[in-house]
PDB file of all heavy atoms in Angstrom:
ATOM      1  N   ASP A   1    -109.915  43.635   6.225  1.00  0.00           N
ATOM      2  CA  ASP A   1    -111.127  42.884   6.051  1.00  0.00           C
ATOM      3  C   ASP A   1    -112.125  43.067   7.172  1.00  0.00           C
ATOM      4  O   ASP A   1    -112.617  42.128   7.805  1.00  0.00           O
ATOM      5  CB  ASP A   1    -110.798  41.366   5.889  1.00  0.00           C
ATOM      6  CG  ASP A   1    -112.011  40.579   5.362  1.00  0.00           C
ATOM      7  OD1 ASP A   1    -112.923  41.195   4.774  1.00  0.00           O
ATOM      8  OD2 ASP A   1    -112.086  39.353   5.533  1.00  0.00           O
ATOM      9  N   VAL A   2    -112.458  44.348   7.483  1.00  0.00           N
ATOM     10  CA  VAL A   2    -113.489  44.662   8.516  1.00  0.00           C
ATOM     11  C   VAL A   2    -114.846  44.271   7.978  1.00  0.00           C
ATOM     12  O   VAL A   2    -115.279  44.677   6.908  1.00  0.00           O
ATOM     13  CB  VAL A   2    -113.390  46.109   8.862  1.00  0.00           C
ATOM     14  CG1 VAL A   2    -114.534  46.420   9.889  1.00  0.00           C
ATOM     15  CG2 VAL A   2    -112.022  46.490   9.436  1.00  0.00           C
ATOM     16  N   GLN A   3    -115.555  43.474   8.768  1.00  0.00           N
ATOM     17  CA  GLN A   3    -116.948  43.064   8.418  1.00  0.00           C
ATOM     18  C   GLN A   3    -117.877  43.188   9.557  1.00  0.00           C
ATOM     19  O   GLN A   3    -117.491  42.880  10.716  1.00  0.00           O
ATOM     20  CB  GLN A   3    -116.924  41.594   7.876  1.00  0.00           C
ATOM     21  CG  GLN A   3    -116.089  41.401   6.606  1.00  0.00           C
ATOM     22  CD  GLN A   3    -116.259  39.975   6.080  1.00  0.00           C
ATOM     23  OE1 GLN A   3    -117.272  39.323   6.327  1.00  0.00           O
ATOM     24  NE2 GLN A   3    -115.238  39.473   5.362  1.00  0.00           N
ATOM     25  N   LYS A   4    -119.123  43.704   9.327  1.00  0.00           N
ATOM     26  CA  LYS A   4    -120.055  43.954  10.388  1.00  0.00           C
ATOM     27  C   LYS A   4    -121.408  43.328  10.038  1.00  0.00           C
ATOM     28  O   LYS A   4    -121.756  43.175   8.851  1.00  0.00           O
ATOM     29  CB  LYS A   4    -120.334  45.441  10.584  1.00  0.00           C
ATOM     30  CG  LYS A   4    -119.078  46.251  10.899  1.00  0.00           C
ATOM     31  CD  LYS A   4    -119.467  47.765  11.063  1.00  0.00           C
ATOM     32  CE  LYS A   4    -118.297  48.622  11.371  1.00  0.00           C
ATOM     33  NZ  LYS A   4    -118.723  50.022  11.464  1.00  0.00           N
ATOM     34  N   ASP A   5    -122.055  42.887  11.060  1.00  0.00           N
ATOM     35  CA  ASP A   5    -123.475  42.609  10.907  1.00  0.00           C
ATOM     36  C   ASP A   5    -124.269  43.031  12.148  1.00  0.00           C
ATOM     37  O   ASP A   5    -123.669  43.841  12.901  1.00  0.00           O
ATOM     38  CB  ASP A   5    -123.707  41.048  10.661  1.00  0.00           C
ATOM     39  CG  ASP A   5    -123.132  40.220  11.812  1.00  0.00           C
ATOM     40  OD1 ASP A   5    -123.196  40.652  12.986  1.00  0.00           O
ATOM     41  OD2 ASP A   5    -122.683  39.087  11.575  1.00  0.00           O
ATOM     42  N   GLU A   6    -125.496  42.726  12.322  1.00  0.00           N
ATOM     43  CA  GLU A   6    -126.275  43.267  13.406  1.00  0.00           C
ATOM     44  C   GLU A   6    -125.765  42.929  14.783  1.00  0.00           C
ATOM     45  O   GLU A   6    -125.862  43.676  15.707  1.00  0.00           O
ATOM     46  CB  GLU A   6    -127.736  42.805  13.286  1.00  0.00           C
ATOM     47  CG  GLU A   6    -128.447  43.323  12.040  1.00  0.00           C
ATOM     48  CD  GLU A   6    -129.886  42.859  12.007  1.00  0.00           C
ATOM     49  OE1 GLU A   6    -130.302  42.109  12.940  1.00  0.00           O
ATOM     50  OE2 GLU A   6    -130.613  43.230  11.054  1.00  0.00           O
ATOM     51  N   LYS A   7    -125.152  41.719  14.887  1.00  0.00           N
ATOM     52  CA  LYS A   7    -124.720  41.295  16.219  1.00  0.00           C
ATOM     53  C   LYS A   7    -123.244  41.151  16.432  1.00  0.00           C
ATOM     54  O   LYS A   7    -122.738  40.858  17.541  1.00  0.00           O
ATOM     55  CB  LYS A   7    -125.341  39.891  16.468  1.00  0.00           C
ATOM     56  CG  LYS A   7    -126.868  39.909  16.549  1.00  0.00           C
ATOM     57  CD  LYS A   7    -127.399  38.534  16.897  1.00  0.00           C
ATOM     58  CE  LYS A   7    -128.903  38.514  17.001  1.00  0.00           C
ATOM     59  NZ  LYS A   7    -129.415  37.185  17.313  1.00  0.00           N
ATOM     60  N   SER A   8    -122.412  41.307  15.394  1.00  0.00           N
ATOM     61  CA  SER A   8    -121.004  41.112  15.571  1.00  0.00           C
ATOM     62  C   SER A   8    -120.166  41.889  14.580  1.00  0.00           C
ATOM     63  O   SER A   8    -120.683  42.441  13.597  1.00  0.00           O
ATOM     64  CB  SER A   8    -120.703  39.629  15.338  1.00  0.00           C
ATOM     65  OG  SER A   8    -120.856  39.241  13.970  1.00  0.00           O
ATOM     66  N   VAL A   9    -118.876  41.997  14.916  1.00  0.00           N
ATOM     67  CA  VAL A   9    -117.884  42.656  14.023  1.00  0.00           C
ATOM     68  C   VAL A   9    -116.644  41.791  13.972  1.00  0.00           C
ATOM     69  O   VAL A   9    -116.193  41.268  15.012  1.00  0.00           O
ATOM     70  CB  VAL A   9    -117.529  44.114  14.547  1.00  0.00           C
ATOM     71  CG1 VAL A   9    -116.400  44.739  13.643  1.00  0.00           C
ATOM     72  CG2 VAL A   9    -118.740  44.984  14.657  1.00  0.00           C
ATOM     73  N   SER A  10    -116.092  41.618  12.815  1.00  0.00           N
ATOM     74  CA  SER A  10    -114.828  40.903  12.678  1.00  0.00           C
ATOM     75  C   SER A  10    -113.791  41.729  11.878  1.00  0.00           C
ATOM     76  O   SER A  10    -114.171  42.504  11.040  1.00  0.00           O
ATOM     77  CB  SER A  10    -115.039  39.543  12.034  1.00  0.00           C
ATOM     78  OG  SER A  10    -115.290  39.680  10.637  1.00  0.00           O
ATOM     79  N   CYS A  11    -112.506  41.456  12.149  1.00  0.00           N
ATOM     80  CA  CYS A  11    -111.448  42.066  11.383  1.00  0.00           C
ATOM     81  C   CYS A  11    -110.187  41.192  11.585  1.00  0.00           C
ATOM     82  O   CYS A  11    -110.144  40.312  12.414  1.00  0.00           O
ATOM     83  CB  CYS A  11    -111.201  43.499  11.908  1.00  0.00           C
ATOM     84  SG  CYS A  11    -110.663  43.614  13.593  1.00  0.00           S
ATOM     85  N   ALA A  12    -109.207  41.507  10.810  1.00  0.00           N
ATOM     86  CA  ALA A  12    -107.929  40.777  10.861  1.00  0.00           C
ATOM     87  C   ALA A  12    -106.755  41.719  11.021  1.00  0.00           C
ATOM     88  O   ALA A  12    -106.758  42.859  10.635  1.00  0.00           O
ATOM     89  CB  ALA A  12    -107.772  39.920   9.616  1.00  0.00           C
ATOM     90  N   VAL A  13    -105.659  41.147  11.583  1.00  0.00           N
ATOM     91  CA  VAL A  13    -104.390  41.870  11.664  1.00  0.00           C
ATOM     92  C   VAL A  13    -103.374  40.911  10.975  1.00  0.00           C
ATOM     93  O   VAL A  13    -103.359  39.692  11.251  1.00  0.00           O
ATOM     94  CB  VAL A  13    -103.952  42.085  13.095  1.00  0.00           C
ATOM     95  CG1 VAL A  13    -102.485  42.609  13.232  1.00  0.00           C
ATOM     96  CG2 VAL A  13    -104.904  43.179  13.689  1.00  0.00           C
ATOM     97  N   LYS A  14    -102.498  41.511  10.199  1.00  0.00           N
ATOM     98  CA  LYS A  14    -101.519  40.678   9.499  1.00  0.00           C
ATOM     99  C   LYS A  14    -100.286  40.502  10.341  1.00  0.00           C
ATOM    100  O   LYS A  14     -99.693  41.426  10.796  1.00  0.00           O
ATOM    101  CB  LYS A  14    -101.140  41.411   8.171  1.00  0.00           C
ATOM    102  CG  LYS A  14    -100.191  40.611   7.246  1.00  0.00           C
ATOM    103  CD  LYS A  14    -100.046  41.414   5.928  1.00  0.00           C
ATOM    104  CE  LYS A  14     -99.157  40.575   4.993  1.00  0.00           C
ATOM    105  NZ  LYS A  14     -98.927  41.308   3.701  1.00  0.00           N
ATOM    106  N   LYS A  15     -99.881  39.219  10.549  1.00  0.00           N
ATOM    107  CA  LYS A  15     -98.671  38.883  11.343  1.00  0.00           C
ATOM    108  C   LYS A  15     -97.410  39.412  10.598  1.00  0.00           C
ATOM    109  O   LYS A  15     -97.231  39.208   9.445  1.00  0.00           O
ATOM    110  CB  LYS A  15     -98.589  37.420  11.518  1.00  0.00           C
ATOM    111  CG  LYS A  15     -97.228  36.907  12.009  1.00  0.00           C
ATOM    112  CD  LYS A  15     -97.059  37.255  13.537  1.00  0.00           C
ATOM    113  CE  LYS A  15     -95.659  36.762  13.974  1.00  0.00           C
ATOM    114  NZ  LYS A  15     -95.549  35.352  14.071  1.00  0.00           N
ATOM    115  N   ASP A  16     -96.592  40.086  11.375  1.00  0.00           N
ATOM    116  CA  ASP A  16     -95.297  40.577  10.898  1.00  0.00           C
ATOM    117  C   ASP A  16     -94.236  40.080  11.804  1.00  0.00           C
ATOM    118  O   ASP A  16     -94.132  40.514  12.950  1.00  0.00           O
ATOM    119  CB  ASP A  16     -95.291  42.144  10.829  1.00  0.00           C
ATOM    120  CG  ASP A  16     -93.976  42.664  10.221  1.00  0.00           C
ATOM    121  OD1 ASP A  16     -93.065  41.932   9.968  1.00  0.00           O
ATOM    122  OD2 ASP A  16     -93.904  43.924  10.021  1.00  0.00           O
ATOM    123  N   ALA A  17     -93.404  39.174  11.273  1.00  0.00           N
ATOM    124  CA  ALA A  17     -92.322  38.588  12.150  1.00  0.00           C
ATOM    125  C   ALA A  17     -91.056  39.353  12.123  1.00  0.00           C
ATOM    126  O   ALA A  17     -90.033  38.902  12.674  1.00  0.00           O
ATOM    127  CB  ALA A  17     -92.096  37.150  11.633  1.00  0.00           C
ATOM    128  N   GLY A  18     -91.062  40.534  11.476  1.00  0.00           N
ATOM    129  CA  GLY A  18     -89.849  41.319  11.424  1.00  0.00           C
ATOM    130  C   GLY A  18     -88.816  40.590  10.614  1.00  0.00           C
ATOM    131  O   GLY A  18     -89.176  40.004   9.586  1.00  0.00           O
ATOM    132  N   ASP A  19     -87.573  40.566  11.049  1.00  0.00           N
ATOM    133  CA  ASP A  19     -86.541  39.878  10.349  1.00  0.00           C
ATOM    134  C   ASP A  19     -86.291  38.443  10.941  1.00  0.00           C
ATOM    135  O   ASP A  19     -85.192  37.897  10.710  1.00  0.00           O
ATOM    136  CB  ASP A  19     -85.180  40.700  10.400  1.00  0.00           C
ATOM    137  CG  ASP A  19     -85.294  41.916   9.478  1.00  0.00           C
ATOM    138  OD1 ASP A  19     -85.917  41.761   8.388  1.00  0.00           O
ATOM    139  OD2 ASP A  19     -84.683  42.924   9.782  1.00  0.00           O
ATOM    140  N   ASP A  20     -87.228  37.990  11.637  1.00  0.00           N
ATOM    141  CA  ASP A  20     -87.143  36.613  12.175  1.00  0.00           C
ATOM    142  C   ASP A  20     -87.717  35.622  11.138  1.00  0.00           C
ATOM    143  O   ASP A  20     -88.625  36.008  10.357  1.00  0.00           O
ATOM    144  CB  ASP A  20     -87.897  36.488  13.472  1.00  0.00           C
ATOM    145  CG  ASP A  20     -87.546  35.201  14.210  1.00  0.00           C
ATOM    146  OD1 ASP A  20     -86.362  34.996  14.466  1.00  0.00           O
ATOM    147  OD2 ASP A  20     -88.437  34.427  14.523  1.00  0.00           O
ATOM    148  N   SER A  21     -87.201  34.394  11.133  1.00  0.00           N
ATOM    149  CA  SER A  21     -87.715  33.391  10.256  1.00  0.00           C
ATOM    150  C   SER A  21     -88.904  32.790  10.886  1.00  0.00           C
ATOM    151  O   SER A  21     -88.747  32.036  11.883  1.00  0.00           O
ATOM    152  CB  SER A  21     -86.586  32.369   9.961  1.00  0.00           C
ATOM    153  OG  SER A  21     -87.048  31.303   9.134  1.00  0.00           O
ATOM    154  N   ASP A  22     -90.056  32.924  10.331  1.00  0.00           N
ATOM    155  CA  ASP A  22     -91.305  32.464  10.955  1.00  0.00           C
ATOM    156  C   ASP A  22     -92.316  32.095   9.896  1.00  0.00           C
ATOM    157  O   ASP A  22     -92.635  32.992   9.022  1.00  0.00           O
ATOM    158  CB  ASP A  22     -91.836  33.593  11.824  1.00  0.00           C
ATOM    159  CG  ASP A  22     -93.006  33.114  12.719  1.00  0.00           C
ATOM    160  OD1 ASP A  22     -93.685  32.188  12.316  1.00  0.00           O
ATOM    161  OD2 ASP A  22     -93.138  33.760  13.796  1.00  0.00           O
ATOM    162  N   VAL A  23     -92.809  30.862   9.894  1.00  0.00           N
ATOM    163  CA  VAL A  23     -93.717  30.482   8.827  1.00  0.00           C
ATOM    164  C   VAL A  23     -95.074  31.173   8.938  1.00  0.00           C
ATOM    165  O   VAL A  23     -95.819  31.243   7.948  1.00  0.00           O
ATOM    166  CB  VAL A  23     -93.989  28.982   8.900  1.00  0.00           C
ATOM    167  CG1 VAL A  23     -92.684  28.170   8.653  1.00  0.00           C
ATOM    168  CG2 VAL A  23     -94.592  28.551  10.197  1.00  0.00           C
ATOM    169  N   THR A  24     -95.373  31.742  10.038  1.00  0.00           N
ATOM    170  CA  THR A  24     -96.654  32.483  10.141  1.00  0.00           C
ATOM    171  C   THR A  24     -96.539  33.952   9.720  1.00  0.00           C
ATOM    172  O   THR A  24     -97.539  34.721   9.738  1.00  0.00           O
ATOM    173  CB  THR A  24     -97.182  32.468  11.624  1.00  0.00           C
ATOM    174  OG1 THR A  24     -96.258  33.130  12.457  1.00  0.00           O
ATOM    175  CG2 THR A  24     -97.386  31.054  12.106  1.00  0.00           C
ATOM    176  N   ASP A  25     -95.336  34.386   9.266  1.00  0.00           N
ATOM    177  CA  ASP A  25     -95.226  35.714   8.807  1.00  0.00           C
ATOM    178  C   ASP A  25     -96.205  35.989   7.626  1.00  0.00           C
ATOM    179  O   ASP A  25     -96.214  35.294   6.664  1.00  0.00           O
ATOM    180  CB  ASP A  25     -93.745  35.978   8.337  1.00  0.00           C
ATOM    181  CG  ASP A  25     -93.508  37.410   7.917  1.00  0.00           C
ATOM    182  OD1 ASP A  25     -93.878  38.329   8.662  1.00  0.00           O
ATOM    183  OD2 ASP A  25     -92.901  37.622   6.773  1.00  0.00           O
ATOM    184  N   GLY A  26     -96.937  37.036   7.735  1.00  0.00           N
ATOM    185  CA  GLY A  26     -97.900  37.358   6.692  1.00  0.00           C
ATOM    186  C   GLY A  26     -99.267  36.807   6.899  1.00  0.00           C
ATOM    187  O   GLY A  26    -100.169  37.115   6.111  1.00  0.00           O
TER     188      GLY A  26
END
């Protein structure tokens, strides 16, 4: 989700918890 405008840029990275149990995975 890369997004640009005249003054800024935003993007995201998807959390990968590997084989650990983590509610923030994904």
